[in-house]
PDB file of N, CA and C in Angstrom:
ATOM      1  N   LEU A   1       2.722   3.002 -16.133  1.00  0.00           N
ATOM      2  CA  LEU A   1       1.360   2.804 -16.536  1.00  0.00           C
ATOM      3  C   LEU A   1       0.494   3.552 -15.541  1.00  0.00           C
ATOM      4  N   VAL A   2      -0.573   4.149 -16.070  1.00  0.00           N
ATOM      5  CA  VAL A   2      -1.525   4.853 -15.222  1.00  0.00           C
ATOM      6  C   VAL A   2      -2.856   4.035 -15.258  1.00  0.00           C
ATOM      7  N   VAL A   3      -3.318   3.710 -14.106  1.00  0.00           N
ATOM      8  CA  VAL A   3      -4.592   2.970 -13.942  1.00  0.00           C
ATOM      9  C   VAL A   3      -5.678   3.995 -13.597  1.00  0.00           C
ATOM     10  N   SER A   4      -6.737   4.011 -14.442  1.00  0.00           N
ATOM     11  CA  SER A   4      -7.844   4.958 -14.143  1.00  0.00           C
ATOM     12  C   SER A   4      -9.182   4.252 -14.308  1.00  0.00           C
ATOM     13  N   GLN A   5     -10.159   4.857 -13.684  1.00  0.00           N
ATOM     14  CA  GLN A   5     -11.557   4.382 -13.787  1.00  0.00           C
ATOM     15  C   GLN A   5     -12.434   5.579 -14.013  1.00  0.00           C
ATOM     16  N   ASN A   6     -13.260   5.451 -15.062  1.00  0.00           N
ATOM     17  CA  ASN A   6     -14.155   6.558 -15.445  1.00  0.00           C
ATOM     18  C   ASN A   6     -13.401   7.898 -15.633  1.00  0.00           C
ATOM     19  N   GLY A   7     -12.179   7.833 -16.199  1.00  0.00           N
ATOM     20  CA  GLY A   7     -11.410   9.038 -16.462  1.00  0.00           C
ATOM     21  C   GLY A   7     -10.650   9.568 -15.259  1.00  0.00           C
ATOM     22  N   ARG A   8     -10.809   8.946 -14.103  1.00  0.00           N
ATOM     23  CA  ARG A   8     -10.115   9.392 -12.870  1.00  0.00           C
ATOM     24  C   ARG A   8      -8.949   8.484 -12.552  1.00  0.00           C
ATOM     25  N   ALA A   9      -7.717   9.036 -12.455  1.00  0.00           N
ATOM     26  CA  ALA A   9      -6.531   8.279 -12.167  1.00  0.00           C
ATOM     27  C   ALA A   9      -6.643   7.666 -10.762  1.00  0.00           C
ATOM     28  N   LEU A  10      -6.399   6.342 -10.682  1.00  0.00           N
ATOM     29  CA  LEU A  10      -6.459   5.643  -9.396  1.00  0.00           C
ATOM     30  C   LEU A  10      -5.049   5.529  -8.812  1.00  0.00           C
ATOM     31  N   HIS A  11      -4.097   5.097  -9.652  1.00  0.00           N
ATOM     32  CA  HIS A  11      -2.724   4.977  -9.187  1.00  0.00           C
ATOM     33  C   HIS A  11      -1.776   4.764 -10.383  1.00  0.00           C
ATOM     34  N   ILE A  12      -0.506   4.803 -10.141  1.00  0.00           N
ATOM     35  CA  ILE A  12       0.535   4.554 -11.137  1.00  0.00           C
ATOM     36  C   ILE A  12       1.157   3.202 -10.856  1.00  0.00           C
ATOM     37  N   VAL A  13       1.447   2.450 -11.902  1.00  0.00           N
ATOM     38  CA  VAL A  13       2.111   1.168 -11.775  1.00  0.00           C
ATOM     39  C   VAL A  13       3.537   1.387 -12.308  1.00  0.00           C
ATOM     40  N   PHE A  14       4.510   1.285 -11.436  1.00  0.00           N
ATOM     41  CA  PHE A  14       5.911   1.472 -11.768  1.00  0.00           C
ATOM     42  C   PHE A  14       6.512   0.186 -12.283  1.00  0.00           C
ATOM     43  N   PRO A  15       7.728   0.234 -12.922  1.00  0.00           N
ATOM     44  CA  PRO A  15       8.376  -1.003 -13.383  1.00  0.00           C
ATOM     45  C   PRO A  15       8.499  -2.054 -12.240  1.00  0.00           C
ATOM     46  N   HIS A  16       8.263  -3.309 -12.569  1.00  0.00           N
ATOM     47  CA  HIS A  16       8.357  -4.451 -11.680  1.00  0.00           C
ATOM     48  C   HIS A  16       7.288  -4.486 -10.599  1.00  0.00           C
ATOM     49  N   GLN A  17       6.221  -3.730 -10.783  1.00  0.00           N
ATOM     50  CA  GLN A  17       5.077  -3.812  -9.866  1.00  0.00           C
ATOM     51  C   GLN A  17       4.012  -4.656 -10.515  1.00  0.00           C
ATOM     52  N   PHE A  18       3.050  -5.122  -9.710  1.00  0.00           N
ATOM     53  CA  PHE A  18       1.951  -5.891 -10.229  1.00  0.00           C
ATOM     54  C   PHE A  18       0.926  -4.940 -10.847  1.00  0.00           C
ATOM     55  N   LEU A  19       0.386  -5.316 -11.969  1.00  0.00           N
ATOM     56  CA  LEU A  19      -0.652  -4.541 -12.648  1.00  0.00           C
ATOM     57  C   LEU A  19      -1.979  -4.954 -12.103  1.00  0.00           C
ATOM     58  N   ASP A  20      -2.480  -4.236 -11.165  1.00  0.00           N
ATOM     59  CA  ASP A  20      -3.756  -4.528 -10.556  1.00  0.00           C
ATOM     60  C   ASP A  20      -4.335  -3.220 -10.041  1.00  0.00           C
ATOM     61  N   SER A  21      -5.493  -3.302  -9.451  1.00  0.00           N
ATOM     62  CA  SER A  21      -6.066  -2.167  -8.800  1.00  0.00           C
ATOM     63  C   SER A  21      -6.468  -2.590  -7.398  1.00  0.00           C
ATOM     64  N   PRO A  22      -6.056  -1.853  -6.364  1.00  0.00           N
ATOM     65  CA  PRO A  22      -6.439  -2.255  -4.975  1.00  0.00           C
ATOM     66  C   PRO A  22      -7.950  -2.440  -4.824  1.00  0.00           C
ATOM     67  N   GLU A  23      -8.716  -1.665  -5.557  1.00  0.00           N
ATOM     68  CA  GLU A  23     -10.166  -1.800  -5.475  1.00  0.00           C
ATOM     69  C   GLU A  23     -10.668  -3.157  -5.996  1.00  0.00           C
ATOM     70  N   TRP A  24      -9.891  -3.753  -6.878  1.00  0.00           N
ATOM     71  CA  TRP A  24     -10.236  -5.015  -7.550  1.00  0.00           C
ATOM     72  C   TRP A  24     -10.451  -6.159  -6.540  1.00  0.00           C
ATOM     73  N   PHE A  25      -9.747  -6.094  -5.418  1.00  0.00           N
ATOM     74  CA  PHE A  25      -9.815  -7.218  -4.446  1.00  0.00           C
ATOM     75  C   PHE A  25     -11.160  -7.286  -3.740  1.00  0.00           C
ATOM     76  N   GLY A  26     -11.967  -6.212  -3.795  1.00  0.00           N
ATOM     77  CA  GLY A  26     -13.295  -6.254  -3.179  1.00  0.00           C
ATOM     78  C   GLY A  26     -14.373  -6.767  -4.110  1.00  0.00           C
ATOM     79  N   VAL A  27     -13.989  -7.102  -5.330  1.00  0.00           N
ATOM     80  CA  VAL A  27     -14.951  -7.522  -6.357  1.00  0.00           C
ATOM     81  C   VAL A  27     -14.950  -9.040  -6.440  1.00  0.00           C
ATOM     82  N   SER A  28     -16.171  -9.655  -6.380  1.00  0.00           N
ATOM     83  CA  SER A  28     -16.244 -11.112  -6.522  1.00  0.00           C
ATOM     84  C   SER A  28     -15.991 -11.474  -7.975  1.00  0.00           C
ATOM     85  N   THR A  29     -15.678 -12.786  -8.226  1.00  0.00           N
ATOM     86  CA  THR A  29     -15.293 -13.233  -9.538  1.00  0.00           C
ATOM     87  C   THR A  29     -16.451 -13.115 -10.568  1.00  0.00           C
ATOM     88  N   ASP A  30     -17.685 -12.989 -10.142  1.00  0.00           N
ATOM     89  CA  ASP A  30     -18.774 -12.909 -11.100  1.00  0.00           C
ATOM     90  C   ASP A  30     -19.221 -11.439 -11.318  1.00  0.00           C
ATOM     91  N   GLU A  31     -18.535 -10.507 -10.730  1.00  0.00           N
ATOM     92  CA  GLU A  31     -18.826  -9.071 -10.964  1.00  0.00           C
ATOM     93  C   GLU A  31     -17.839  -8.502 -11.921  1.00  0.00           C
ATOM     94  N   TYR A  32     -18.196  -7.387 -12.564  1.00  0.00           N
ATOM     95  CA  TYR A  32     -17.262  -6.705 -13.480  1.00  0.00           C
ATOM     96  C   TYR A  32     -16.698  -5.495 -12.791  1.00  0.00           C
ATOM     97  N   PHE A  33     -15.417  -5.285 -12.975  1.00  0.00           N
ATOM     98  CA  PHE A  33     -14.761  -4.111 -12.486  1.00  0.00           C
ATOM     99  C   PHE A  33     -13.821  -3.651 -13.586  1.00  0.00           C
ATOM    100  N   GLN A  34     -14.121  -2.521 -14.177  1.00  0.00           N
ATOM    101  CA  GLN A  34     -13.382  -2.126 -15.401  1.00  0.00           C
ATOM    102  C   GLN A  34     -12.498  -0.903 -15.079  1.00  0.00           C
ATOM    103  N   VAL A  35     -11.246  -1.012 -15.391  1.00  0.00           N
ATOM    104  CA  VAL A  35     -10.305   0.096 -15.343  1.00  0.00           C
ATOM    105  C   VAL A  35      -9.635   0.257 -16.672  1.00  0.00           C
ATOM    106  N   SER A  36      -9.051   1.413 -16.886  1.00  0.00           N
ATOM    107  CA  SER A  36      -8.291   1.652 -18.117  1.00  0.00           C
ATOM    108  C   SER A  36      -6.819   1.690 -17.713  1.00  0.00           C
ATOM    109  N   ILE A  37      -5.982   1.138 -18.548  1.00  0.00           N
ATOM    110  CA  ILE A  37      -4.539   1.145 -18.299  1.00  0.00           C
ATOM    111  C   ILE A  37      -3.894   1.904 -19.468  1.00  0.00           C
ATOM    112  N   THR A  38      -3.149   2.936 -19.178  1.00  0.00           N
ATOM    113  CA  THR A  38      -2.472   3.774 -20.208  1.00  0.00           C
ATOM    114  C   THR A  38      -0.967   3.708 -19.993  1.00  0.00           C
ATOM    115  N   ALA A  39      -0.299   3.217 -20.988  1.00  0.00           N
ATOM    116  CA  ALA A  39       1.183   3.179 -20.903  1.00  0.00           C
ATOM    117  C   ALA A  39       1.764   4.540 -21.238  1.00  0.00           C
ATOM    118  N   MET A  40       2.628   5.024 -20.381  1.00  0.00           N
ATOM    119  CA  MET A  40       3.255   6.341 -20.612  1.00  0.00           C
ATOM    120  C   MET A  40       4.591   6.208 -21.384  1.00  0.00           C
ATOM    121  N   GLU A  41       5.031   4.961 -21.533  1.00  0.00           N
ATOM    122  CA  GLU A  41       6.254   4.651 -22.274  1.00  0.00           C
ATOM    123  C   GLU A  41       6.126   3.191 -22.763  1.00  0.00           C
ATOM    124  N   GLU A  42       7.064   2.750 -23.583  1.00  0.00           N
ATOM    125  CA  GLU A  42       7.037   1.421 -24.042  1.00  0.00           C
ATOM    126  C   GLU A  42       7.036   0.408 -22.879  1.00  0.00           C
ATOM    127  N   SER A  43       6.165  -0.552 -22.911  1.00  0.00           N
ATOM    128  CA  SER A  43       5.948  -1.478 -21.762  1.00  0.00           C
ATOM    129  C   SER A  43       5.770  -2.919 -22.206  1.00  0.00           C
ATOM    130  N   ARG A  44       6.070  -3.840 -21.273  1.00  0.00           N
ATOM    131  CA  ARG A  44       5.767  -5.255 -21.495  1.00  0.00           C
ATOM    132  C   ARG A  44       4.958  -5.708 -20.260  1.00  0.00           C
ATOM    133  N   VAL A  45       3.938  -6.501 -20.498  1.00  0.00           N
ATOM    134  CA  VAL A  45       3.053  -6.903 -19.419  1.00  0.00           C
ATOM    135  C   VAL A  45       2.871  -8.431 -19.520  1.00  0.00           C
ATOM    136  N   LEU A  46       2.972  -9.109 -18.355  1.00  0.00           N
ATOM    137  CA  LEU A  46       2.682 -10.526 -18.237  1.00  0.00           C
ATOM    138  C   LEU A  46       1.343 -10.663 -17.589  1.00  0.00           C
ATOM    139  N   ILE A  47       0.461 -11.437 -18.242  1.00  0.00           N
ATOM    140  CA  ILE A  47      -0.933 -11.539 -17.776  1.00  0.00           C
ATOM    141  C   ILE A  47      -1.249 -12.967 -17.400  1.00  0.00           C
ATOM    142  N   TRP A  48      -1.996 -13.165 -16.275  1.00  0.00           N
ATOM    143  CA  TRP A  48      -2.476 -14.482 -15.906  1.00  0.00           C
ATOM    144  C   TRP A  48      -3.898 -14.348 -15.360  1.00  0.00           C
ATOM    145  N   HIS A  49      -4.630 -15.411 -15.383  1.00  0.00           N
ATOM    146  CA  HIS A  49      -6.018 -15.405 -14.891  1.00  0.00           C
ATOM    147  C   HIS A  49      -5.988 -15.478 -13.378  1.00  0.00           C
ATOM    148  N   ARG A  50      -6.719 -14.592 -12.727  1.00  0.00           N
ATOM    149  CA  ARG A  50      -6.700 -14.445 -11.286  1.00  0.00           C
ATOM    150  C   ARG A  50      -7.037 -15.770 -10.591  1.00  0.00           C
ATOM    151  N   ASP A  51      -8.112 -16.451 -10.962  1.00  0.00           N
ATOM    152  CA  ASP A  51      -8.543 -17.702 -10.280  1.00  0.00           C
ATOM    153  C   ASP A  51      -7.527 -18.796 -10.467  1.00  0.00           C
ATOM    154  N   LYS A  52      -6.949 -18.932 -11.677  1.00  0.00           N
ATOM    155  CA  LYS A  52      -5.960 -20.014 -11.893  1.00  0.00           C
ATOM    156  C   LYS A  52      -4.688 -19.742 -11.054  1.00  0.00           C
ATOM    157  N   LEU A  53      -4.282 -18.483 -10.986  1.00  0.00           N
ATOM    158  CA  LEU A  53      -3.128 -18.132 -10.197  1.00  0.00           C
ATOM    159  C   LEU A  53      -3.371 -18.435  -8.687  1.00  0.00           C
ATOM    160  N   LYS A  54      -4.575 -18.111  -8.205  1.00  0.00           N
ATOM    161  CA  LYS A  54      -4.928 -18.338  -6.795  1.00  0.00           C
ATOM    162  C   LYS A  54      -4.880 -19.867  -6.492  1.00  0.00           C
ATOM    163  N   LEU A  55      -5.432 -20.658  -7.410  1.00  0.00           N
ATOM    164  CA  LEU A  55      -5.408 -22.133  -7.201  1.00  0.00           C
ATOM    165  C   LEU A  55      -3.977 -22.685  -7.211  1.00  0.00           C
ATOM    166  N   THR A  56      -3.146 -22.140  -8.008  1.00  0.00           N
ATOM    167  CA  THR A  56      -1.743 -22.610  -8.076  1.00  0.00           C
ATOM    168  C   THR A  56      -0.991 -22.209  -6.806  1.00  0.00           C
ATOM    169  N   ILE A  57      -1.192 -20.991  -6.356  1.00  0.00           N
ATOM    170  CA  ILE A  57      -0.487 -20.507  -5.153  1.00  0.00           C
ATOM    171  C   ILE A  57      -0.980 -21.196  -3.884  1.00  0.00           C
ATOM    172  N   ILE A  58      -2.291 -21.427  -3.827  1.00  0.00           N
ATOM    173  CA  ILE A  58      -2.877 -21.967  -2.585  1.00  0.00           C
ATOM    174  C   ILE A  58      -2.350 -23.370  -2.245  1.00  0.00           C
ATOM    175  N   THR A  59      -1.820 -24.102  -3.246  1.00  0.00           N
ATOM    176  CA  THR A  59      -1.344 -25.445  -3.006  1.00  0.00           C
ATOM    177  C   THR A  59       0.129 -25.478  -2.540  1.00  0.00           C
ATOM    178  N   ASP A  60       0.765 -24.341  -2.545  1.00  0.00           N
ATOM    179  CA  ASP A  60       2.201 -24.274  -2.168  1.00  0.00           C
ATOM    180  C   ASP A  60       2.375 -23.224  -1.092  1.00  0.00           C
ATOM    181  N   GLN A  61       2.621 -23.602   0.149  1.00  0.00           N
ATOM    182  CA  GLN A  61       2.727 -22.669   1.270  1.00  0.00           C
ATOM    183  C   GLN A  61       3.854 -21.662   1.066  1.00  0.00           C
ATOM    184  N   PHE A  62       4.951 -22.081   0.511  1.00  0.00           N
ATOM    185  CA  PHE A  62       6.094 -21.172   0.305  1.00  0.00           C
ATOM    186  C   PHE A  62       5.674 -20.070  -0.706  1.00  0.00           C
ATOM    187  N   LEU A  63       5.107 -20.490  -1.846  1.00  0.00           N
ATOM    188  CA  LEU A  63       4.656 -19.514  -2.837  1.00  0.00           C
ATOM    189  C   LEU A  63       3.604 -18.598  -2.266  1.00  0.00           C
ATOM    190  N   GLN A  64       2.748 -19.164  -1.438  1.00  0.00           N
ATOM    191  CA  GLN A  64       1.681 -18.336  -0.811  1.00  0.00           C
ATOM    192  C   GLN A  64       2.323 -17.276   0.069  1.00  0.00           C
ATOM    193  N   ALA A  65       3.278 -17.623   0.872  1.00  0.00           N
ATOM    194  CA  ALA A  65       3.947 -16.628   1.750  1.00  0.00           C
ATOM    195  C   ALA A  65       4.650 -15.556   0.923  1.00  0.00           C
ATOM    196  N   VAL A  66       5.333 -15.982  -0.132  1.00  0.00           N
ATOM    197  CA  VAL A  66       6.056 -15.031  -0.991  1.00  0.00           C
ATOM    198  C   VAL A  66       5.067 -14.056  -1.644  1.00  0.00           C
ATOM    199  N   PHE A  67       4.023 -14.588  -2.244  1.00  0.00           N
ATOM    200  CA  PHE A  67       3.047 -13.710  -2.898  1.00  0.00           C
ATOM    201  C   PHE A  67       2.315 -12.829  -1.890  1.00  0.00           C
ATOM    202  N   ASP A  68       1.967 -13.335  -0.720  1.00  0.00           N
ATOM    203  CA  ASP A  68       1.342 -12.516   0.277  1.00  0.00           C
ATOM    204  C   ASP A  68       2.211 -11.305   0.649  1.00  0.00           C
ATOM    205  N   HIS A  69       3.517 -11.554   0.820  1.00  0.00           N
ATOM    206  CA  HIS A  69       4.453 -10.483   1.147  1.00  0.00           C
ATOM    207  C   HIS A  69       4.594  -9.480   0.000  1.00  0.00           C
ATOM    208  N   ILE A  70       4.858  -9.984  -1.210  1.00  0.00           N
ATOM    209  CA  ILE A  70       5.072  -9.131  -2.381  1.00  0.00           C
ATOM    210  C   ILE A  70       3.827  -8.338  -2.717  1.00  0.00           C
ATOM    211  N   LEU A  71       2.692  -9.037  -2.810  1.00  0.00           N
ATOM    212  CA  LEU A  71       1.450  -8.334  -3.169  1.00  0.00           C
ATOM    213  C   LEU A  71       0.983  -7.378  -2.094  1.00  0.00           C
ATOM    214  N   GLY A  72       1.197  -7.782  -0.809  1.00  0.00           N
ATOM    215  CA  GLY A  72       0.831  -6.906   0.311  1.00  0.00           C
ATOM    216  C   GLY A  72       1.574  -5.563   0.209  1.00  0.00           C
ATOM    217  N   ARG A  73       2.856  -5.649   0.010  1.00  0.00           N
ATOM    218  CA  ARG A  73       3.645  -4.403  -0.101  1.00  0.00           C
ATOM    219  C   ARG A  73       3.257  -3.597  -1.328  1.00  0.00           C
ATOM    220  N   ASP A  74       3.011  -4.319  -2.441  1.00  0.00           N
ATOM    221  CA  ASP A  74       2.678  -3.604  -3.689  1.00  0.00           C
ATOM    222  C   ASP A  74       1.300  -2.913  -3.558  1.00  0.00           C
ATOM    223  N   VAL A  75       0.341  -3.562  -2.935  1.00  0.00           N
ATOM    224  CA  VAL A  75      -1.028  -2.952  -2.792  1.00  0.00           C
ATOM    225  C   VAL A  75      -0.945  -1.789  -1.824  1.00  0.00           C
ATOM    226  N   VAL A  76      -0.223  -1.878  -0.745  1.00  0.00           N
ATOM    227  CA  VAL A  76      -0.076  -0.803   0.186  1.00  0.00           C
ATOM    228  C   VAL A  76       0.552   0.420  -0.471  1.00  0.00           C
ATOM    229  N   LYS A  77       1.582   0.232  -1.299  1.00  0.00           N
ATOM    230  CA  LYS A  77       2.193   1.349  -2.029  1.00  0.00           C
ATOM    231  C   LYS A  77       1.157   2.046  -2.920  1.00  0.00           C
ATOM    232  N   LYS A  78       0.328   1.242  -3.632  1.00  0.00           N
ATOM    233  CA  LYS A  78      -0.641   1.789  -4.505  1.00  0.00           C
ATOM    234  C   LYS A  78      -1.766   2.506  -3.751  1.00  0.00           C
ATOM    235  N   LEU A  79      -2.121   1.979  -2.634  1.00  0.00           N
ATOM    236  CA  LEU A  79      -3.129   2.672  -1.786  1.00  0.00           C
ATOM    237  C   LEU A  79      -2.610   4.029  -1.303  1.00  0.00           C
ATOM    238  N   MET A  80      -1.341   4.051  -0.967  1.00  0.00           N
ATOM    239  CA  MET A  80      -0.724   5.295  -0.519  1.00  0.00           C
ATOM    240  C   MET A  80      -0.648   6.315  -1.647  1.00  0.00           C
ATOM    241  N   GLN A  81      -0.412   5.846  -2.855  1.00  0.00           N
ATOM    242  CA  GLN A  81      -0.410   6.716  -4.032  1.00  0.00           C
ATOM    243  C   GLN A  81      -1.815   7.289  -4.245  1.00  0.00           C
ATOM    244  N   LEU A  82      -2.810   6.400  -4.095  1.00  0.00           N
ATOM    245  CA  LEU A  82      -4.212   6.860  -4.272  1.00  0.00           C
ATOM    246  C   LEU A  82      -4.548   7.945  -3.272  1.00  0.00           C
ATOM    247  N   ILE A  83      -4.097   7.843  -2.050  1.00  0.00           N
ATOM    248  CA  ILE A  83      -4.377   8.840  -1.037  1.00  0.00           C
ATOM    249  C   ILE A  83      -3.762  10.175  -1.455  1.00  0.00           C
ATOM    250  N   PHE A  84      -2.519  10.160  -1.997  1.00  0.00           N
ATOM    251  CA  PHE A  84      -1.840  11.372  -2.402  1.00  0.00           C
ATOM    252  C   PHE A  84      -2.453  11.979  -3.651  1.00  0.00           C
ATOM    253  N   ILE A  85      -3.063  11.189  -4.506  1.00  0.00           N
ATOM    254  CA  ILE A  85      -3.721  11.671  -5.741  1.00  0.00           C
ATOM    255  C   ILE A  85      -5.002  12.410  -5.389  1.00  0.00           C
ATOM    256  N   LEU A  86      -5.713  11.849  -4.407  1.00  0.00           N
ATOM    257  CA  LEU A  86      -6.987  12.478  -3.974  1.00  0.00           C
ATOM    258  C   LEU A  86      -6.724  13.834  -3.354  1.00  0.00           C
TER     259      LEU A  86
END
């Protein structure tokens, strides 16, 4: 999947990665941040609401640690991709 904003590619989402945009984390819940997602091949996507997921994870320290680690690595990889695209 290619994530782009205003026609400019931001990063690529590879299999088993989270479909998000690193820039999305700086946006508050009442602001709009729009990106386009283009599948380059047949894909399946699991979607959940950001706030509901945060409330679920925040109540379980183990899940919070796991997601912090997984998301942290995933976001860093995408930021590195963004640097190489620029």
